[in-house]
Amino acid sequence: MNRTIEIIIGSTGEIQIDAVGFKGPDCEKATAFLEQALGVVGKKVKKPEYHQRTSSTNHQRIGN
């Protein structure tokens, strides 16, 4: 899935930021610069994807 950041501006000026395709704390890292630039954060909602782990594989080679 492609990772995107959606920014929705409501008719009252309320801004909603949605990190789509991110898992775990990666979504917070991806949107941190926007939150900092926009100022006060009213409410954060963590989607089920936040509680999923990102998969990573570590490889180790010993010898030649």
PDB file of N, CA and C in Angstrom:
ATOM      1  N   MET A   1       0.839  -1.185   0.000  1.00  0.00           N
ATOM      2  CA  MET A   1       0.000   0.000   0.000  1.00  0.00           C
ATOM      3  C   MET A   1       0.883   1.246   0.000  1.00  0.00           C
ATOM      4  N   ASN A   2       0.480   2.218  -0.782  1.00  0.00           N
ATOM      5  CA  ASN A   2       1.202   3.490  -0.822  1.00  0.00           C
ATOM      6  C   ASN A   2       0.949   4.281   0.449  1.00  0.00           C
ATOM      7  N   ARG A   3       1.947   4.981   0.892  1.00  0.00           N
ATOM      8  CA  ARG A   3       1.816   5.842   2.062  1.00  0.00           C
ATOM      9  C   ARG A   3       1.463   7.245   1.600  1.00  0.00           C
ATOM     10  N   THR A   4       0.415   7.804   2.184  1.00  0.00           N
ATOM     11  CA  THR A   4       0.017   9.164   1.865  1.00  0.00           C
ATOM     12  C   THR A   4      -0.400   9.881   3.145  1.00  0.00           C
ATOM     13  N   ILE A   5      -0.315  11.184   3.113  1.00  0.00           N
ATOM     14  CA  ILE A   5      -0.799  12.012   4.211  1.00  0.00           C
ATOM     15  C   ILE A   5      -1.926  12.857   3.642  1.00  0.00           C
ATOM     16  N   GLU A   6      -3.128  12.679   4.196  1.00  0.00           N
ATOM     17  CA  GLU A   6      -4.290  13.424   3.743  1.00  0.00           C
ATOM     18  C   GLU A   6      -4.556  14.560   4.724  1.00  0.00           C
ATOM     19  N   ILE A   7      -4.777  15.748   4.199  1.00  0.00           N
ATOM     20  CA  ILE A   7      -5.093  16.913   5.019  1.00  0.00           C
ATOM     21  C   ILE A   7      -6.485  17.383   4.615  1.00  0.00           C
ATOM     22  N   ILE A   8      -7.388  17.389   5.592  1.00  0.00           N
ATOM     23  CA  ILE A   8      -8.771  17.778   5.347  1.00  0.00           C
ATOM     24  C   ILE A   8      -9.058  19.041   6.152  1.00  0.00           C
ATOM     25  N   ILE A   9      -9.535  20.077   5.463  1.00  0.00           N
ATOM     26  CA  ILE A   9      -9.880  21.332   6.119  1.00  0.00           C
ATOM     27  C   ILE A   9     -11.397  21.477   6.080  1.00  0.00           C
ATOM     28  N   GLY A  10     -12.009  21.493   7.274  1.00  0.00           N
ATOM     29  CA  GLY A  10     -13.453  21.608   7.388  1.00  0.00           C
ATOM     30  C   GLY A  10     -13.937  23.028   7.153  1.00  0.00           C
ATOM     31  N   SER A  11     -15.249  23.170   7.041  1.00  0.00           N
ATOM     32  CA  SER A  11     -15.846  24.485   6.769  1.00  0.00           C
ATOM     33  C   SER A  11     -15.646  25.469   7.924  1.00  0.00           C
ATOM     34  N   THR A  12     -15.367  24.945   9.132  1.00  0.00           N
ATOM     35  CA  THR A  12     -15.122  25.808  10.289  1.00  0.00           C
ATOM     36  C   THR A  12     -13.638  26.099  10.480  1.00  0.00           C
ATOM     37  N   GLY A  13     -12.807  25.590   9.574  1.00  0.00           N
ATOM     38  CA  GLY A  13     -11.364  25.806   9.671  1.00  0.00           C
ATOM     39  C   GLY A  13     -10.634  24.707  10.429  1.00  0.00           C
ATOM     40  N   GLU A  14     -11.373  23.733  10.918  1.00  0.00           N
ATOM     41  CA  GLU A  14     -10.745  22.607  11.617  1.00  0.00           C
ATOM     42  C   GLU A  14      -9.943  21.782  10.622  1.00  0.00           C
ATOM     43  N   ILE A  15      -8.734  21.407  11.039  1.00  0.00           N
ATOM     44  CA  ILE A  15      -7.842  20.649  10.160  1.00  0.00           C
ATOM     45  C   ILE A  15      -7.697  19.230  10.690  1.00  0.00           C
ATOM     46  N   GLN A  16      -7.845  18.278   9.786  1.00  0.00           N
ATOM     47  CA  GLN A  16      -7.677  16.861  10.134  1.00  0.00           C
ATOM     48  C   GLN A  16      -6.543  16.304   9.286  1.00  0.00           C
ATOM     49  N   ILE A  17      -5.599  15.635   9.947  1.00  0.00           N
ATOM     50  CA  ILE A  17      -4.471  15.024   9.245  1.00  0.00           C
ATOM     51  C   ILE A  17      -4.620  13.512   9.381  1.00  0.00           C
ATOM     52  N   ASP A  18      -4.574  12.810   8.265  1.00  0.00           N
ATOM     53  CA  ASP A  18      -4.729  11.352   8.270  1.00  0.00           C
ATOM     54  C   ASP A  18      -3.533  10.727   7.560  1.00  0.00           C
ATOM     55  N   ALA A  19      -2.793   9.914   8.295  1.00  0.00           N
ATOM     56  CA  ALA A  19      -1.652   9.193   7.718  1.00  0.00           C
ATOM     57  C   ALA A  19      -2.157   7.835   7.250  1.00  0.00           C
ATOM     58  N   VAL A  20      -2.207   7.638   5.944  1.00  0.00           N
ATOM     59  CA  VAL A  20      -2.754   6.419   5.349  1.00  0.00           C
ATOM     60  C   VAL A  20      -1.609   5.521   4.890  1.00  0.00           C
ATOM     61  N   GLY A  21      -1.672   4.254   5.273  1.00  0.00           N
ATOM     62  CA  GLY A  21      -0.667   3.289   4.835  1.00  0.00           C
ATOM     63  C   GLY A  21       0.509   3.162   5.785  1.00  0.00           C
ATOM     64  N   PHE A  22       0.488   3.866   6.896  1.00  0.00           N
ATOM     65  CA  PHE A  22       1.548   3.799   7.890  1.00  0.00           C
ATOM     66  C   PHE A  22       1.134   2.833   8.996  1.00  0.00           C
ATOM     67  N   LYS A  23       2.110   2.202   9.637  1.00  0.00           N
ATOM     68  CA  LYS A  23       1.842   1.309  10.758  1.00  0.00           C
ATOM     69  C   LYS A  23       2.685   1.731  11.944  1.00  0.00           C
ATOM     70  N   GLY A  24       2.137   1.508  13.128  1.00  0.00           N
ATOM     71  CA  GLY A  24       2.871   1.824  14.348  1.00  0.00           C
ATOM     72  C   GLY A  24       3.165   3.310  14.451  1.00  0.00           C
ATOM     73  N   PRO A  25       4.210   3.659  15.178  1.00  0.00           N
ATOM     74  CA  PRO A  25       4.527   5.076  15.392  1.00  0.00           C
ATOM     75  C   PRO A  25       5.040   5.795  14.142  1.00  0.00           C
ATOM     76  N   ASP A  26       5.182   5.095  13.025  1.00  0.00           N
ATOM     77  CA  ASP A  26       5.622   5.748  11.783  1.00  0.00           C
ATOM     78  C   ASP A  26       4.662   6.857  11.368  1.00  0.00           C
ATOM     79  N   CYS A  27       3.363   6.695  11.680  1.00  0.00           N
ATOM     80  CA  CYS A  27       2.398   7.730  11.296  1.00  0.00           C
ATOM     81  C   CYS A  27       2.649   9.019  12.070  1.00  0.00           C
ATOM     82  N   GLU A  28       2.999   8.903  13.338  1.00  0.00           N
ATOM     83  CA  GLU A  28       3.290  10.106  14.130  1.00  0.00           C
ATOM     84  C   GLU A  28       4.560  10.784  13.641  1.00  0.00           C
ATOM     85  N   LYS A  29       5.541   9.992  13.262  1.00  0.00           N
ATOM     86  CA  LYS A  29       6.782  10.563  12.726  1.00  0.00           C
ATOM     87  C   LYS A  29       6.510  11.283  11.411  1.00  0.00           C
ATOM     88  N   ALA A  30       5.638  10.711  10.581  1.00  0.00           N
ATOM     89  CA  ALA A  30       5.362  11.277   9.263  1.00  0.00           C
ATOM     90  C   ALA A  30       4.587  12.582   9.345  1.00  0.00           C
ATOM     91  N   THR A  31       3.756  12.744  10.366  1.00  0.00           N
ATOM     92  CA  THR A  31       2.920  13.940  10.458  1.00  0.00           C
ATOM     93  C   THR A  31       3.436  14.969  11.460  1.00  0.00           C
ATOM     94  N   ALA A  32       4.511  14.677  12.157  1.00  0.00           N
ATOM     95  CA  ALA A  32       5.028  15.571  13.204  1.00  0.00           C
ATOM     96  C   ALA A  32       5.321  16.976  12.675  1.00  0.00           C
ATOM     97  N   PHE A  33       5.886  17.074  11.481  1.00  0.00           N
ATOM     98  CA  PHE A  33       6.230  18.395  10.946  1.00  0.00           C
ATOM     99  C   PHE A  33       4.982  19.228  10.678  1.00  0.00           C
ATOM    100  N   LEU A  34       3.898  18.580  10.285  1.00  0.00           N
ATOM    101  CA  LEU A  34       2.649  19.312  10.052  1.00  0.00           C
ATOM    102  C   LEU A  34       2.041  19.784  11.361  1.00  0.00           C
ATOM    103  N   GLU A  35       2.046  18.909  12.360  1.00  0.00           N
ATOM    104  CA  GLU A  35       1.514  19.279  13.668  1.00  0.00           C
ATOM    105  C   GLU A  35       2.293  20.450  14.261  1.00  0.00           C
ATOM    106  N   GLN A  36       3.599  20.421  14.088  1.00  0.00           N
ATOM    107  CA  GLN A  36       4.443  21.497  14.610  1.00  0.00           C
ATOM    108  C   GLN A  36       4.148  22.806  13.866  1.00  0.00           C
ATOM    109  N   ALA A  37       4.001  22.734  12.569  1.00  0.00           N
ATOM    110  CA  ALA A  37       3.760  23.931  11.778  1.00  0.00           C
ATOM    111  C   ALA A  37       2.369  24.525  12.033  1.00  0.00           C
ATOM    112  N   LEU A  38       1.397  23.655  12.286  1.00  0.00           N
ATOM    113  CA  LEU A  38       0.023  24.127  12.469  1.00  0.00           C
ATOM    114  C   LEU A  38      -0.264  24.581  13.891  1.00  0.00           C
ATOM    115  N   GLY A  39       0.513  24.131  14.848  1.00  0.00           N
ATOM    116  CA  GLY A  39       0.326  24.587  16.227  1.00  0.00           C
ATOM    117  C   GLY A  39      -0.392  23.582  17.100  1.00  0.00           C
ATOM    118  N   VAL A  40      -1.421  24.034  17.788  1.00  0.00           N
ATOM    119  CA  VAL A  40      -2.104  23.254  18.807  1.00  0.00           C
ATOM    120  C   VAL A  40      -2.809  22.045  18.199  1.00  0.00           C
ATOM    121  N   VAL A  41      -2.610  20.887  18.815  1.00  0.00           N
ATOM    122  CA  VAL A  41      -3.281  19.656  18.406  1.00  0.00           C
ATOM    123  C   VAL A  41      -4.457  19.449  19.354  1.00  0.00           C
ATOM    124  N   GLY A  42      -5.664  19.387  18.797  1.00  0.00           N
ATOM    125  CA  GLY A  42      -6.853  19.240  19.623  1.00  0.00           C
ATOM    126  C   GLY A  42      -7.102  17.817  20.055  1.00  0.00           C
ATOM    127  N   LYS A  43      -6.992  16.887  19.134  1.00  0.00           N
ATOM    128  CA  LYS A  43      -7.348  15.497  19.430  1.00  0.00           C
ATOM    129  C   LYS A  43      -6.592  14.579  18.483  1.00  0.00           C
ATOM    130  N   LYS A  44      -6.078  13.483  19.028  1.00  0.00           N
ATOM    131  CA  LYS A  44      -5.430  12.469  18.203  1.00  0.00           C
ATOM    132  C   LYS A  44      -6.222  11.172  18.334  1.00  0.00           C
ATOM    133  N   VAL A  45      -6.493  10.557  17.198  1.00  0.00           N
ATOM    134  CA  VAL A  45      -7.186   9.274  17.170  1.00  0.00           C
ATOM    135  C   VAL A  45      -6.247   8.271  16.519  1.00  0.00           C
ATOM    136  N   LYS A  46      -5.936   7.218  17.258  1.00  0.00           N
ATOM    137  CA  LYS A  46      -5.046   6.183  16.721  1.00  0.00           C
ATOM    138  C   LYS A  46      -5.890   5.080  16.098  1.00  0.00           C
ATOM    139  N   LYS A  47      -5.668   4.866  14.809  1.00  0.00           N
ATOM    140  CA  LYS A  47      -6.405   3.841  14.068  1.00  0.00           C
ATOM    141  C   LYS A  47      -5.842   2.467  14.413  1.00  0.00           C
ATOM    142  N   PRO A  48      -6.537   1.409  14.057  1.00  0.00           N
ATOM    143  CA  PRO A  48      -6.041   0.057  14.341  1.00  0.00           C
ATOM    144  C   PRO A  48      -4.645  -0.200  13.765  1.00  0.00           C
ATOM    145  N   GLU A  49      -4.309   0.449  12.656  1.00  0.00           N
ATOM    146  CA  GLU A  49      -2.996   0.269  12.041  1.00  0.00           C
ATOM    147  C   GLU A  49      -1.869   0.731  12.964  1.00  0.00           C
ATOM    148  N   TYR A  50      -2.178   1.667  13.858  1.00  0.00           N
ATOM    149  CA  TYR A  50      -1.153   2.163  14.784  1.00  0.00           C
ATOM    150  C   TYR A  50      -0.643   1.029  15.666  1.00  0.00           C
ATOM    151  N   HIS A  51      -1.524   0.121  16.002  1.00  0.00           N
ATOM    152  CA  HIS A  51      -1.171  -0.963  16.917  1.00  0.00           C
ATOM    153  C   HIS A  51      -0.547  -2.160  16.205  1.00  0.00           C
ATOM    154  N   GLN A  52      -0.400  -2.072  14.890  1.00  0.00           N
ATOM    155  CA  GLN A  52       0.274  -3.124  14.131  1.00  0.00           C
ATOM    156  C   GLN A  52       1.766  -2.827  14.086  1.00  0.00           C
ATOM    157  N   ARG A  53       2.532  -3.847  14.097  1.00  0.00           N
ATOM    158  CA  ARG A  53       3.987  -3.674  14.022  1.00  0.00           C
ATOM    159  C   ARG A  53       4.434  -3.617  12.575  1.00  0.00           C
ATOM    160  N   THR A  54       5.453  -2.830  12.357  1.00  0.00           N
ATOM    161  CA  THR A  54       6.060  -2.817  11.032  1.00  0.00           C
ATOM    162  C   THR A  54       6.971  -4.027  10.946  1.00  0.00           C
ATOM    163  N   SER A  55       7.019  -4.643   9.798  1.00  0.00           N
ATOM    164  CA  SER A  55       7.855  -5.839   9.665  1.00  0.00           C
ATOM    165  C   SER A  55       9.251  -5.440   9.213  1.00  0.00           C
ATOM    166  N   SER A  56      10.219  -6.023   9.864  1.00  0.00           N
ATOM    167  CA  SER A  56      11.600  -5.806   9.461  1.00  0.00           C
ATOM    168  C   SER A  56      12.365  -7.105   9.647  1.00  0.00           C
ATOM    169  N   THR A  57      13.335  -7.309   8.808  1.00  0.00           N
ATOM    170  CA  THR A  57      14.123  -8.527   8.853  1.00  0.00           C
ATOM    171  C   THR A  57      15.585  -8.135   9.008  1.00  0.00           C
ATOM    172  N   ASN A  58      16.238  -8.747   9.944  1.00  0.00           N
ATOM    173  CA  ASN A  58      17.664  -8.512  10.144  1.00  0.00           C
ATOM    174  C   ASN A  58      18.437  -9.727   9.649  1.00  0.00           C
ATOM    175  N   HIS A  59      19.471  -9.483   8.899  1.00  0.00           N
ATOM    176  CA  HIS A  59      20.320 -10.555   8.385  1.00  0.00           C
ATOM    177  C   HIS A  59      21.719 -10.380   8.941  1.00  0.00           C
ATOM    178  N   GLN A  60      22.319 -11.493   9.286  1.00  0.00           N
ATOM    179  CA  GLN A  60      23.672 -11.438   9.802  1.00  0.00           C
ATOM    180  C   GLN A  60      24.496 -12.494   9.067  1.00  0.00           C
ATOM    181  N   ARG A  61      25.661 -12.096   8.607  1.00  0.00           N
ATOM    182  CA  ARG A  61      26.536 -13.009   7.891  1.00  0.00           C
ATOM    183  C   ARG A  61      27.815 -13.167   8.713  1.00  0.00           C
ATOM    184  N   ILE A  62      28.184 -14.406   8.928  1.00  0.00           N
ATOM    185  CA  ILE A  62      29.403 -14.708   9.677  1.00  0.00           C
ATOM    186  C   ILE A  62      30.370 -15.407   8.743  1.00  0.00           C
ATOM    187  N   GLY A  63      31.599 -14.961   8.742  1.00  0.00           N
ATOM    188  CA  GLY A  63      32.607 -15.599   7.893  1.00  0.00           C
ATOM    189  C   GLY A  63      32.604 -15.061   6.489  1.00  0.00           C
ATOM    190  N   ASN A  64      33.222 -15.813   5.565  1.00  0.00           N
ATOM    191  CA  ASN A  64      33.326 -15.374   4.161  1.00  0.00           C
ATOM    192  C   ASN A  64      32.137 -15.725   3.387  1.00  0.00           C
TER     193      ASN A  64
END
